[in-house]
PDB file of N, CA and C in Angstrom:
ATOM      1  N   UNK A   1     109.692 155.424 147.375  1.00  0.00           N
ATOM      2  CA  UNK A   1     108.873 154.475 146.771  1.00  0.00           C
ATOM      3  C   UNK A   1     108.949 154.789 145.316  1.00  0.00           C
ATOM      4  N   UNK A   2     109.386 153.872 144.466  1.00  0.00           N
ATOM      5  CA  UNK A   2     109.323 154.219 142.978  1.00  0.00           C
ATOM      6  C   UNK A   2     108.033 153.411 142.357  1.00  0.00           C
ATOM      7  N   UNK A   3     107.655 152.441 142.870  1.00  0.00           N
ATOM      8  CA  UNK A   3     106.537 151.585 142.291  1.00  0.00           C
ATOM      9  C   UNK A   3     105.267 152.334 142.145  1.00  0.00           C
ATOM     10  N   UNK A   4     104.839 152.998 143.133  1.00  0.00           N
ATOM     11  CA  UNK A   4     103.461 153.563 143.219  1.00  0.00           C
ATOM     12  C   UNK A   4     103.499 154.727 142.157  1.00  0.00           C
ATOM     13  N   UNK A   5     104.388 155.661 142.048  1.00  0.00           N
ATOM     14  CA  UNK A   5     104.199 156.695 140.960  1.00  0.00           C
ATOM     15  C   UNK A   5     104.343 156.134 139.583  1.00  0.00           C
ATOM     16  N   UNK A   6     105.173 154.959 139.369  1.00  0.00           N
ATOM     17  CA  UNK A   6     105.347 154.277 138.143  1.00  0.00           C
ATOM     18  C   UNK A   6     103.970 153.680 137.825  1.00  0.00           C
ATOM     19  N   UNK A   7     103.352 153.006 138.705  1.00  0.00           N
ATOM     20  CA  UNK A   7     101.935 152.409 138.347  1.00  0.00           C
ATOM     21  C   UNK A   7     101.059 153.532 138.077  1.00  0.00           C
ATOM     22  N   UNK A   8     100.968 154.624 138.766  1.00  0.00           N
ATOM     23  CA  UNK A   8     100.122 155.781 138.416  1.00  0.00           C
ATOM     24  C   UNK A   8     100.424 156.411 136.887  1.00  0.00           C
ATOM     25  N   UNK A   9     101.710 156.497 136.763  1.00  0.00           N
ATOM     26  CA  UNK A   9     101.910 157.037 135.333  1.00  0.00           C
ATOM     27  C   UNK A   9     101.485 155.993 134.229  1.00  0.00           C
ATOM     28  N   UNK A  10     101.663 154.830 134.379  1.00  0.00           N
ATOM     29  CA  UNK A  10     101.226 153.766 133.457  1.00  0.00           C
ATOM     30  C   UNK A  10      99.795 153.855 133.284  1.00  0.00           C
ATOM     31  N   UNK A  11      99.049 153.974 134.446  1.00  0.00           N
ATOM     32  CA  UNK A  11      97.657 154.100 134.329  1.00  0.00           C
ATOM     33  C   UNK A  11      97.209 155.326 133.648  1.00  0.00           C
ATOM     34  N   UNK A  12      97.958 156.490 133.854  1.00  0.00           N
ATOM     35  CA  UNK A  12      97.651 157.748 133.242  1.00  0.00           C
ATOM     36  C   UNK A  12      97.880 157.731 131.717  1.00  0.00           C
ATOM     37  N   UNK A  13      98.803 156.853 131.273  1.00  0.00           N
ATOM     38  CA  UNK A  13      99.032 156.649 129.920  1.00  0.00           C
ATOM     39  C   UNK A  13      98.322 155.591 129.294  1.00  0.00           C
ATOM     40  N   UNK A  14      97.317 155.044 129.941  1.00  0.00           N
ATOM     41  CA  UNK A  14      96.523 154.001 129.539  1.00  0.00           C
ATOM     42  C   UNK A  14      97.211 152.707 129.141  1.00  0.00           C
ATOM     43  N   UNK A  15      98.407 152.545 129.669  1.00  0.00           N
ATOM     44  CA  UNK A  15      99.206 151.254 129.460  1.00  0.00           C
ATOM     45  C   UNK A  15      98.881 150.074 130.392  1.00  0.00           C
ATOM     46  N   UNK A  16      98.310 150.545 131.481  1.00  0.00           N
ATOM     47  CA  UNK A  16      97.924 149.693 132.536  1.00  0.00           C
ATOM     48  C   UNK A  16      96.430 149.726 132.841  1.00  0.00           C
ATOM     49  N   UNK A  17      95.629 148.885 132.374  1.00  0.00           N
ATOM     50  CA  UNK A  17      94.138 149.000 132.534  1.00  0.00           C
ATOM     51  C   UNK A  17      93.612 147.677 132.825  1.00  0.00           C
ATOM     52  N   UNK A  18      93.060 147.506 134.085  1.00  0.00           N
ATOM     53  CA  UNK A  18      92.605 146.270 134.621  1.00  0.00           C
ATOM     54  C   UNK A  18      91.180 145.950 133.713  1.00  0.00           C
ATOM     55  N   UNK A  19      90.475 146.897 133.480  1.00  0.00           N
ATOM     56  CA  UNK A  19      89.192 146.695 132.706  1.00  0.00           C
ATOM     57  C   UNK A  19      89.482 146.073 131.372  1.00  0.00           C
ATOM     58  N   UNK A  20      90.451 146.652 130.641  1.00  0.00           N
ATOM     59  CA  UNK A  20      90.789 146.198 129.328  1.00  0.00           C
ATOM     60  C   UNK A  20      91.429 144.818 129.501  1.00  0.00           C
ATOM     61  N   UNK A  21      92.387 144.594 130.385  1.00  0.00           N
ATOM     62  CA  UNK A  21      92.944 143.293 130.586  1.00  0.00           C
ATOM     63  C   UNK A  21      91.904 142.207 130.845  1.00  0.00           C
ATOM     64  N   UNK A  22      91.042 142.530 131.718  1.00  0.00           N
ATOM     65  CA  UNK A  22      89.992 141.447 131.943  1.00  0.00           C
ATOM     66  C   UNK A  22      89.049 141.148 130.761  1.00  0.00           C
ATOM     67  N   UNK A  23      88.677 142.248 129.996  1.00  0.00           N
ATOM     68  CA  UNK A  23      87.862 141.931 128.927  1.00  0.00           C
ATOM     69  C   UNK A  23      88.682 141.071 127.766  1.00  0.00           C
ATOM     70  N   UNK A  24      89.976 141.372 127.576  1.00  0.00           N
ATOM     71  CA  UNK A  24      90.684 140.539 126.598  1.00  0.00           C
ATOM     72  C   UNK A  24      90.916 139.118 127.187  1.00  0.00           C
ATOM     73  N   UNK A  25      91.180 139.054 128.514  1.00  0.00           N
ATOM     74  CA  UNK A  25      91.444 137.762 129.241  1.00  0.00           C
ATOM     75  C   UNK A  25      90.261 136.869 128.975  1.00  0.00           C
ATOM     76  N   UNK A  26      89.043 137.394 129.441  1.00  0.00           N
ATOM     77  CA  UNK A  26      87.893 136.644 129.127  1.00  0.00           C
ATOM     78  C   UNK A  26      87.538 136.115 127.679  1.00  0.00           C
ATOM     79  N   UNK A  27      87.685 137.028 126.874  1.00  0.00           N
ATOM     80  CA  UNK A  27      87.457 136.704 125.419  1.00  0.00           C
ATOM     81  C   UNK A  27      88.407 135.709 124.804  1.00  0.00           C
ATOM     82  N   UNK A  28      89.688 135.895 125.320  1.00  0.00           N
ATOM     83  CA  UNK A  28      90.801 134.978 124.763  1.00  0.00           C
ATOM     84  C   UNK A  28      90.477 133.617 125.266  1.00  0.00           C
ATOM     85  N   UNK A  29      90.347 133.512 126.729  1.00  0.00           N
ATOM     86  CA  UNK A  29      90.216 132.139 127.148  1.00  0.00           C
ATOM     87  C   UNK A  29      88.914 131.393 126.830  1.00  0.00           C
ATOM     88  N   UNK A  30      87.876 132.201 126.707  1.00  0.00           N
ATOM     89  CA  UNK A  30      86.553 131.688 126.075  1.00  0.00           C
ATOM     90  C   UNK A  30      86.745 131.096 124.734  1.00  0.00           C
ATOM     91  N   UNK A  31      87.529 131.834 123.860  1.00  0.00           N
ATOM     92  CA  UNK A  31      87.782 131.338 122.647  1.00  0.00           C
ATOM     93  C   UNK A  31      88.550 130.011 122.525  1.00  0.00           C
ATOM     94  N   UNK A  32      89.355 129.950 123.624  1.00  0.00           N
ATOM     95  CA  UNK A  32      90.116 128.619 123.751  1.00  0.00           C
ATOM     96  C   UNK A  32      89.481 127.377 124.294  1.00  0.00           C
ATOM     97  N   UNK A  33      88.137 127.690 124.638  1.00  0.00           N
ATOM     98  CA  UNK A  33      87.245 126.736 125.065  1.00  0.00           C
ATOM     99  C   UNK A  33      87.189 126.490 126.694  1.00  0.00           C
ATOM    100  N   UNK A  34      87.417 127.493 127.183  1.00  0.00           N
ATOM    101  CA  UNK A  34      87.329 127.505 128.751  1.00  0.00           C
ATOM    102  C   UNK A  34      86.117 128.159 129.154  1.00  0.00           C
ATOM    103  N   UNK A  35      85.506 127.670 130.349  1.00  0.00           N
ATOM    104  CA  UNK A  35      84.351 128.238 130.811  1.00  0.00           C
ATOM    105  C   UNK A  35      84.398 129.247 131.820  1.00  0.00           C
ATOM    106  N   UNK A  36      83.285 129.745 132.201  1.00  0.00           N
ATOM    107  CA  UNK A  36      83.303 130.971 133.230  1.00  0.00           C
ATOM    108  C   UNK A  36      83.888 130.529 134.509  1.00  0.00           C
ATOM    109  N   UNK A  37      83.777 129.344 135.135  1.00  0.00           N
ATOM    110  CA  UNK A  37      84.360 128.875 136.237  1.00  0.00           C
ATOM    111  C   UNK A  37      85.698 128.925 136.317  1.00  0.00           C
ATOM    112  N   UNK A  38      86.280 128.322 135.234  1.00  0.00           N
ATOM    113  CA  UNK A  38      87.813 128.331 135.110  1.00  0.00           C
ATOM    114  C   UNK A  38      88.606 129.596 135.048  1.00  0.00           C
ATOM    115  N   UNK A  39      87.793 130.486 134.058  1.00  0.00           N
ATOM    116  CA  UNK A  39      88.380 131.765 133.800  1.00  0.00           C
ATOM    117  C   UNK A  39      88.242 132.654 135.049  1.00  0.00           C
ATOM    118  N   UNK A  40      87.174 132.567 135.808  1.00  0.00           N
ATOM    119  CA  UNK A  40      87.064 133.181 137.168  1.00  0.00           C
ATOM    120  C   UNK A  40      88.195 132.942 138.092  1.00  0.00           C
ATOM    121  N   UNK A  41      88.544 131.516 138.205  1.00  0.00           N
ATOM    122  CA  UNK A  41      89.734 131.106 138.962  1.00  0.00           C
ATOM    123  C   UNK A  41      91.043 131.621 138.542  1.00  0.00           C
ATOM    124  N   UNK A  42      91.132 131.581 137.169  1.00  0.00           N
ATOM    125  CA  UNK A  42      92.368 132.237 136.667  1.00  0.00           C
ATOM    126  C   UNK A  42      92.585 133.785 136.812  1.00  0.00           C
ATOM    127  N   UNK A  43      91.292 134.518 136.668  1.00  0.00           N
ATOM    128  CA  UNK A  43      91.476 135.904 137.090  1.00  0.00           C
ATOM    129  C   UNK A  43      91.888 136.183 138.594  1.00  0.00           C
ATOM    130  N   UNK A  44      91.318 135.332 139.444  1.00  0.00           N
ATOM    131  CA  UNK A  44      91.620 135.455 140.821  1.00  0.00           C
ATOM    132  C   UNK A  44      93.251 135.284 141.044  1.00  0.00           C
ATOM    133  N   UNK A  45      93.737 134.206 140.285  1.00  0.00           N
ATOM    134  CA  UNK A  45      95.240 134.055 140.425  1.00  0.00           C
ATOM    135  C   UNK A  45      96.033 135.250 140.025  1.00  0.00           C
ATOM    136  N   UNK A  46      95.375 136.003 139.052  1.00  0.00           N
ATOM    137  CA  UNK A  46      96.091 137.229 138.622  1.00  0.00           C
ATOM    138  C   UNK A  46      95.781 138.467 139.548  1.00  0.00           C
ATOM    139  N   UNK A  47      94.925 138.145 140.579  1.00  0.00           N
ATOM    140  CA  UNK A  47      94.687 139.264 141.450  1.00  0.00           C
ATOM    141  C   UNK A  47      93.401 140.070 141.069  1.00  0.00           C
ATOM    142  N   UNK A  48      92.785 139.581 140.155  1.00  0.00           N
ATOM    143  CA  UNK A  48      91.549 140.441 139.694  1.00  0.00           C
ATOM    144  C   UNK A  48      90.280 139.669 139.969  1.00  0.00           C
ATOM    145  N   UNK A  49      89.609 140.050 140.983  1.00  0.00           N
ATOM    146  CA  UNK A  49      88.404 139.395 141.298  1.00  0.00           C
ATOM    147  C   UNK A  49      87.467 140.515 141.804  1.00  0.00           C
ATOM    148  N   UNK A  50      86.131 140.169 142.069  1.00  0.00           N
ATOM    149  CA  UNK A  50      85.231 141.175 142.456  1.00  0.00           C
ATOM    150  C   UNK A  50      84.300 141.577 141.244  1.00  0.00           C
ATOM    151  N   UNK A  51      83.841 142.820 141.428  1.00  0.00           N
ATOM    152  CA  UNK A  51      82.843 143.338 140.451  1.00  0.00           C
ATOM    153  C   UNK A  51      83.428 143.430 139.048  1.00  0.00           C
ATOM    154  N   UNK A  52      84.576 143.845 138.791  1.00  0.00           N
ATOM    155  CA  UNK A  52      85.122 143.803 137.403  1.00  0.00           C
ATOM    156  C   UNK A  52      85.068 142.554 136.773  1.00  0.00           C
ATOM    157  N   UNK A  53      85.716 141.747 137.437  1.00  0.00           N
ATOM    158  CA  UNK A  53      85.766 140.202 136.759  1.00  0.00           C
ATOM    159  C   UNK A  53      84.266 139.552 136.539  1.00  0.00           C
ATOM    160  N   UNK A  54      83.413 139.734 137.417  1.00  0.00           N
ATOM    161  CA  UNK A  54      81.993 139.276 137.447  1.00  0.00           C
ATOM    162  C   UNK A  54      81.300 140.033 136.292  1.00  0.00           C
ATOM    163  N   UNK A  55      81.443 141.210 136.177  1.00  0.00           N
ATOM    164  CA  UNK A  55      80.899 142.104 135.076  1.00  0.00           C
ATOM    165  C   UNK A  55      81.103 141.491 133.797  1.00  0.00           C
ATOM    166  N   UNK A  56      82.535 141.156 133.471  1.00  0.00           N
ATOM    167  CA  UNK A  56      82.768 140.686 132.208  1.00  0.00           C
ATOM    168  C   UNK A  56      82.488 139.181 131.912  1.00  0.00           C
ATOM    169  N   UNK A  57      82.431 138.420 132.935  1.00  0.00           N
ATOM    170  CA  UNK A  57      81.885 137.069 132.851  1.00  0.00           C
ATOM    171  C   UNK A  57      80.435 136.924 132.598  1.00  0.00           C
ATOM    172  N   UNK A  58      79.813 137.826 133.226  1.00  0.00           N
ATOM    173  CA  UNK A  58      78.231 137.794 133.062  1.00  0.00           C
ATOM    174  C   UNK A  58      77.869 138.417 131.730  1.00  0.00           C
ATOM    175  N   UNK A  59      78.844 139.375 131.257  1.00  0.00           N
ATOM    176  CA  UNK A  59      78.398 140.057 129.930  1.00  0.00           C
ATOM    177  C   UNK A  59      78.732 139.153 128.702  1.00  0.00           C
ATOM    178  N   UNK A  60      79.619 138.307 128.937  1.00  0.00           N
ATOM    179  CA  UNK A  60      79.922 137.448 127.850  1.00  0.00           C
ATOM    180  C   UNK A  60      78.805 136.541 127.372  1.00  0.00           C
ATOM    181  N   UNK A  61      78.516 136.866 126.051  1.00  0.00           N
ATOM    182  CA  UNK A  61      77.173 136.119 125.490  1.00  0.00           C
ATOM    183  C   UNK A  61      77.165 134.766 125.071  1.00  0.00           C
ATOM    184  N   UNK A  62      78.365 134.190 124.838  1.00  0.00           N
ATOM    185  CA  UNK A  62      78.400 132.988 123.990  1.00  0.00           C
ATOM    186  C   UNK A  62      78.917 131.773 124.773  1.00  0.00           C
ATOM    187  N   UNK A  63      78.671 131.708 126.028  1.00  0.00           N
ATOM    188  CA  UNK A  63      79.144 130.471 126.767  1.00  0.00           C
ATOM    189  C   UNK A  63      78.822 129.188 126.140  1.00  0.00           C
ATOM    190  N   UNK A  64      77.530 128.933 125.801  1.00  0.00           N
ATOM    191  CA  UNK A  64      77.040 127.814 125.376  1.00  0.00           C
ATOM    192  C   UNK A  64      77.767 127.323 123.931  1.00  0.00           C
ATOM    193  N   UNK A  65      77.842 128.407 123.089  1.00  0.00           N
ATOM    194  CA  UNK A  65      78.561 128.282 121.759  1.00  0.00           C
ATOM    195  C   UNK A  65      79.956 127.767 121.986  1.00  0.00           C
ATOM    196  N   UNK A  66      80.732 128.365 122.858  1.00  0.00           N
ATOM    197  CA  UNK A  66      82.123 127.912 122.978  1.00  0.00           C
ATOM    198  C   UNK A  66      82.039 126.574 123.753  1.00  0.00           C
ATOM    199  N   UNK A  67      81.204 126.281 124.679  1.00  0.00           N
ATOM    200  CA  UNK A  67      81.077 124.890 125.238  1.00  0.00           C
ATOM    201  C   UNK A  67      80.961 123.909 124.056  1.00  0.00           C
ATOM    202  N   UNK A  68      79.902 124.237 123.126  1.00  0.00           N
ATOM    203  CA  UNK A  68      79.645 123.214 122.068  1.00  0.00           C
ATOM    204  C   UNK A  68      80.839 122.988 121.133  1.00  0.00           C
ATOM    205  N   UNK A  69      81.583 124.150 120.967  1.00  0.00           N
ATOM    206  CA  UNK A  69      82.795 124.044 120.149  1.00  0.00           C
ATOM    207  C   UNK A  69      83.881 123.213 120.730  1.00  0.00           C
ATOM    208  N   UNK A  70      84.120 123.452 121.983  1.00  0.00           N
ATOM    209  CA  UNK A  70      85.167 122.669 122.814  1.00  0.00           C
ATOM    210  C   UNK A  70      84.729 121.220 122.873  1.00  0.00           C
ATOM    211  N   UNK A  71      83.417 120.841 122.987  1.00  0.00           N
ATOM    212  CA  UNK A  71      82.952 119.526 122.995  1.00  0.00           C
ATOM    213  C   UNK A  71      83.102 118.786 121.687  1.00  0.00           C
ATOM    214  N   UNK A  72      82.773 119.537 120.528  1.00  0.00           N
ATOM    215  CA  UNK A  72      82.836 118.974 119.233  1.00  0.00           C
ATOM    216  C   UNK A  72      84.140 118.786 118.714  1.00  0.00           C
ATOM    217  N   UNK A  73      85.104 119.691 119.180  1.00  0.00           N
ATOM    218  CA  UNK A  73      86.513 119.538 118.854  1.00  0.00           C
ATOM    219  C   UNK A  73      87.077 118.256 119.418  1.00  0.00           C
ATOM    220  N   UNK A  74      86.780 117.969 120.691  1.00  0.00           N
ATOM    221  CA  UNK A  74      87.201 116.812 121.386  1.00  0.00           C
ATOM    222  C   UNK A  74      86.571 115.548 121.057  1.00  0.00           C
ATOM    223  N   UNK A  75      85.181 115.551 120.893  1.00  0.00           N
ATOM    224  CA  UNK A  75      84.433 114.250 120.758  1.00  0.00           C
ATOM    225  C   UNK A  75      83.702 114.143 119.460  1.00  0.00           C
ATOM    226  N   UNK A  76      83.714 115.073 118.534  1.00  0.00           N
ATOM    227  CA  UNK A  76      83.068 115.094 117.245  1.00  0.00           C
ATOM    228  C   UNK A  76      81.620 115.560 117.350  1.00  0.00           C
ATOM    229  N   UNK A  77      80.923 115.602 116.152  1.00  0.00           N
ATOM    230  CA  UNK A  77      79.725 116.353 116.080  1.00  0.00           C
ATOM    231  C   UNK A  77      78.500 115.675 116.802  1.00  0.00           C
ATOM    232  N   UNK A  78      78.609 114.317 116.859  1.00  0.00           N
ATOM    233  CA  UNK A  78      77.339 113.646 117.401  1.00  0.00           C
ATOM    234  C   UNK A  78      77.307 113.716 118.979  1.00  0.00           C
ATOM    235  N   UNK A  79      76.127 113.936 119.549  1.00  0.00           N
ATOM    236  CA  UNK A  79      76.041 113.972 120.869  1.00  0.00           C
ATOM    237  C   UNK A  79      76.160 112.562 121.528  1.00  0.00           C
ATOM    238  N   UNK A  80      76.533 112.485 122.672  1.00  0.00           N
ATOM    239  CA  UNK A  80      76.795 111.173 123.242  1.00  0.00           C
ATOM    240  C   UNK A  80      75.494 110.260 123.367  1.00  0.00           C
ATOM    241  N   UNK A  81      75.675 109.126 123.094  1.00  0.00           N
ATOM    242  CA  UNK A  81      74.623 108.214 123.041  1.00  0.00           C
ATOM    243  C   UNK A  81      74.374 107.268 124.078  1.00  0.00           C
ATOM    244  N   UNK A  82      75.181 107.211 125.141  1.00  0.00           N
ATOM    245  CA  UNK A  82      75.034 106.404 126.350  1.00  0.00           C
ATOM    246  C   UNK A  82      75.545 107.095 127.466  1.00  0.00           C
ATOM    247  N   UNK A  83      75.166 106.497 128.609  1.00  0.00           N
ATOM    248  CA  UNK A  83      75.540 107.106 129.896  1.00  0.00           C
ATOM    249  C   UNK A  83      77.093 107.239 130.060  1.00  0.00           C
ATOM    250  N   UNK A  84      77.828 106.243 129.675  1.00  0.00           N
ATOM    251  CA  UNK A  84      79.342 106.443 130.007  1.00  0.00           C
ATOM    252  C   UNK A  84      79.922 107.550 129.078  1.00  0.00           C
ATOM    253  N   UNK A  85      79.482 107.593 127.923  1.00  0.00           N
ATOM    254  CA  UNK A  85      80.005 108.741 127.117  1.00  0.00           C
ATOM    255  C   UNK A  85      79.500 110.099 127.528  1.00  0.00           C
ATOM    256  N   UNK A  86      78.175 110.152 127.951  1.00  0.00           N
ATOM    257  CA  UNK A  86      77.671 111.382 128.575  1.00  0.00           C
ATOM    258  C   UNK A  86      78.487 111.811 129.751  1.00  0.00           C
ATOM    259  N   UNK A  87      78.837 111.007 130.700  1.00  0.00           N
ATOM    260  CA  UNK A  87      79.477 111.194 131.766  1.00  0.00           C
ATOM    261  C   UNK A  87      80.867 111.732 131.418  1.00  0.00           C
ATOM    262  N   UNK A  88      81.553 111.047 130.447  1.00  0.00           N
ATOM    263  CA  UNK A  88      82.969 111.460 130.104  1.00  0.00           C
ATOM    264  C   UNK A  88      82.929 112.822 129.511  1.00  0.00           C
ATOM    265  N   UNK A  89      81.973 113.116 128.696  1.00  0.00           N
ATOM    266  CA  UNK A  89      82.022 114.479 128.040  1.00  0.00           C
ATOM    267  C   UNK A  89      81.690 115.523 129.099  1.00  0.00           C
ATOM    268  N   UNK A  90      80.702 115.207 130.078  1.00  0.00           N
ATOM    269  CA  UNK A  90      80.383 116.092 131.172  1.00  0.00           C
ATOM    270  C   UNK A  90      81.477 116.419 132.198  1.00  0.00           C
ATOM    271  N   UNK A  91      82.324 115.344 132.229  1.00  0.00           N
ATOM    272  CA  UNK A  91      83.546 115.480 133.249  1.00  0.00           C
ATOM    273  C   UNK A  91      84.508 116.528 132.400  1.00  0.00           C
ATOM    274  N   UNK A  92      84.786 116.198 131.191  1.00  0.00           N
ATOM    275  CA  UNK A  92      85.576 116.957 130.464  1.00  0.00           C
ATOM    276  C   UNK A  92      85.256 118.556 130.410  1.00  0.00           C
ATOM    277  N   UNK A  93      83.952 118.662 130.207  1.00  0.00           N
ATOM    278  CA  UNK A  93      83.431 120.092 130.071  1.00  0.00           C
ATOM    279  C   UNK A  93      83.496 120.812 131.461  1.00  0.00           C
ATOM    280  N   UNK A  94      83.258 120.033 132.520  1.00  0.00           N
ATOM    281  CA  UNK A  94      83.405 120.549 133.828  1.00  0.00           C
ATOM    282  C   UNK A  94      84.850 120.867 134.338  1.00  0.00           C
ATOM    283  N   UNK A  95      85.738 120.037 133.951  1.00  0.00           N
ATOM    284  CA  UNK A  95      87.281 120.385 133.979  1.00  0.00           C
ATOM    285  C   UNK A  95      87.468 121.719 133.245  1.00  0.00           C
ATOM    286  N   UNK A  96      86.914 121.951 132.130  1.00  0.00           N
ATOM    287  CA  UNK A  96      87.130 123.094 131.250  1.00  0.00           C
ATOM    288  C   UNK A  96      86.475 124.375 131.952  1.00  0.00           C
ATOM    289  N   UNK A  97      85.616 124.235 133.012  1.00  0.00           N
ATOM    290  CA  UNK A  97      85.124 125.279 133.700  1.00  0.00           C
ATOM    291  C   UNK A  97      83.700 125.763 133.430  1.00  0.00           C
ATOM    292  N   UNK A  98      83.047 124.883 132.701  1.00  0.00           N
ATOM    293  CA  UNK A  98      81.612 125.178 132.391  1.00  0.00           C
ATOM    294  C   UNK A  98      80.878 124.756 133.631  1.00  0.00           C
ATOM    295  N   UNK A  99      79.583 125.417 133.814  1.00  0.00           N
ATOM    296  CA  UNK A  99      78.599 125.058 134.815  1.00  0.00           C
ATOM    297  C   UNK A  99      77.850 123.837 134.505  1.00  0.00           C
ATOM    298  N   UNK A 100      77.388 123.186 135.539  1.00  0.00           N
ATOM    299  CA  UNK A 100      76.549 122.076 135.279  1.00  0.00           C
ATOM    300  C   UNK A 100      75.238 122.243 134.489  1.00  0.00           C
ATOM    301  N   UNK A 101      74.723 123.471 134.655  1.00  0.00           N
ATOM    302  CA  UNK A 101      73.544 123.864 133.923  1.00  0.00           C
ATOM    303  C   UNK A 101      73.947 124.116 132.473  1.00  0.00           C
ATOM    304  N   UNK A 102      74.958 124.777 132.150  1.00  0.00           N
ATOM    305  CA  UNK A 102      75.497 124.982 130.726  1.00  0.00           C
ATOM    306  C   UNK A 102      75.870 123.643 130.065  1.00  0.00           C
ATOM    307  N   UNK A 103      76.462 122.664 130.855  1.00  0.00           N
ATOM    308  CA  UNK A 103      76.778 121.372 130.316  1.00  0.00           C
ATOM    309  C   UNK A 103      75.492 120.455 129.998  1.00  0.00           C
ATOM    310  N   UNK A 104      74.475 120.428 130.778  1.00  0.00           N
ATOM    311  CA  UNK A 104      73.143 119.767 130.543  1.00  0.00           C
ATOM    312  C   UNK A 104      72.543 120.456 129.501  1.00  0.00           C
ATOM    313  N   UNK A 105      72.524 121.659 129.306  1.00  0.00           N
ATOM    314  CA  UNK A 105      71.852 122.338 128.135  1.00  0.00           C
ATOM    315  C   UNK A 105      72.601 122.048 126.749  1.00  0.00           C
ATOM    316  N   UNK A 106      73.809 122.067 126.824  1.00  0.00           N
ATOM    317  CA  UNK A 106      74.518 121.885 125.717  1.00  0.00           C
ATOM    318  C   UNK A 106      74.536 120.328 125.117  1.00  0.00           C
ATOM    319  N   UNK A 107      74.470 119.511 126.123  1.00  0.00           N
ATOM    320  CA  UNK A 107      74.434 117.993 125.835  1.00  0.00           C
ATOM    321  C   UNK A 107      73.017 117.615 125.601  1.00  0.00           C
ATOM    322  N   UNK A 108      72.007 118.597 125.749  1.00  0.00           N
ATOM    323  CA  UNK A 108      70.517 118.242 125.453  1.00  0.00           C
ATOM    324  C   UNK A 108      69.828 117.453 126.553  1.00  0.00           C
ATOM    325  N   UNK A 109      70.476 117.514 127.792  1.00  0.00           N
ATOM    326  CA  UNK A 109      69.687 116.844 128.821  1.00  0.00           C
ATOM    327  C   UNK A 109      68.559 117.424 129.454  1.00  0.00           C
ATOM    328  N   UNK A 110      68.565 118.843 129.424  1.00  0.00           N
ATOM    329  CA  UNK A 110      67.472 119.688 129.796  1.00  0.00           C
ATOM    330  C   UNK A 110      67.585 120.982 129.215  1.00  0.00           C
ATOM    331  N   UNK A 111      66.443 121.738 129.190  1.00  0.00           N
ATOM    332  CA  UNK A 111      66.489 123.037 128.582  1.00  0.00           C
ATOM    333  C   UNK A 111      66.205 124.050 129.600  1.00  0.00           C
ATOM    334  N   UNK A 112      66.111 123.846 130.833  1.00  0.00           N
ATOM    335  CA  UNK A 112      65.851 124.740 131.852  1.00  0.00           C
ATOM    336  C   UNK A 112      67.017 125.326 132.513  1.00  0.00           C
ATOM    337  N   UNK A 113      67.548 126.258 132.210  1.00  0.00           N
ATOM    338  CA  UNK A 113      68.784 126.870 132.800  1.00  0.00           C
ATOM    339  C   UNK A 113      68.583 127.228 134.254  1.00  0.00           C
ATOM    340  N   UNK A 114      67.363 127.494 134.721  1.00  0.00           N
ATOM    341  CA  UNK A 114      67.149 127.766 136.054  1.00  0.00           C
ATOM    342  C   UNK A 114      66.964 126.593 136.995  1.00  0.00           C
ATOM    343  N   UNK A 115      67.207 125.493 136.547  1.00  0.00           N
ATOM    344  CA  UNK A 115      66.937 124.209 137.197  1.00  0.00           C
ATOM    345  C   UNK A 115      67.827 123.947 138.545  1.00  0.00           C
ATOM    346  N   UNK A 116      68.935 124.674 138.485  1.00  0.00           N
ATOM    347  CA  UNK A 116      69.933 124.744 139.530  1.00  0.00           C
ATOM    348  C   UNK A 116      69.467 125.791 140.683  1.00  0.00           C
ATOM    349  N   UNK A 117      68.619 126.604 140.373  1.00  0.00           N
ATOM    350  CA  UNK A 117      68.365 127.682 141.294  1.00  0.00           C
ATOM    351  C   UNK A 117      66.844 127.530 141.760  1.00  0.00           C
ATOM    352  N   UNK A 118      66.231 126.424 141.511  1.00  0.00           N
ATOM    353  CA  UNK A 118      64.779 126.308 142.074  1.00  0.00           C
ATOM    354  C   UNK A 118      64.862 126.095 143.535  1.00  0.00           C
ATOM    355  N   UNK A 119      63.874 126.828 144.223  1.00  0.00           N
ATOM    356  CA  UNK A 119      63.768 126.639 145.620  1.00  0.00           C
ATOM    357  C   UNK A 119      62.954 125.574 145.952  1.00  0.00           C
ATOM    358  N   UNK A 120      63.261 124.962 147.185  1.00  0.00           N
ATOM    359  CA  UNK A 120      62.459 123.900 147.741  1.00  0.00           C
ATOM    360  C   UNK A 120      61.547 124.279 148.681  1.00  0.00           C
TER     361      UNK A 120
END
């Protein structure tokens, strides 16, 4: 087997580092206007899931800021004024991978991020 020793050598030389890759992947895709749900799915496609990916997704501080930038780039500075525009923007942001709580907060519909986790 040639592959296992080669991978070990690359990790030993710090040329192959899942932690660094995950950190850069999250930062790069967030800067491109993608949300945590989409980035998590992309990390899974790359074979990176579990504690490492969740750690970096949870540690990323600016999801709402990136959501607002993505919305503003696509739709302009003004918040949606009617139901149809609100739904269109919410669908766009959902497709980009932002959570419904993040979308509602950024579009000014509610300020309680814990609304999705209330127990009945």
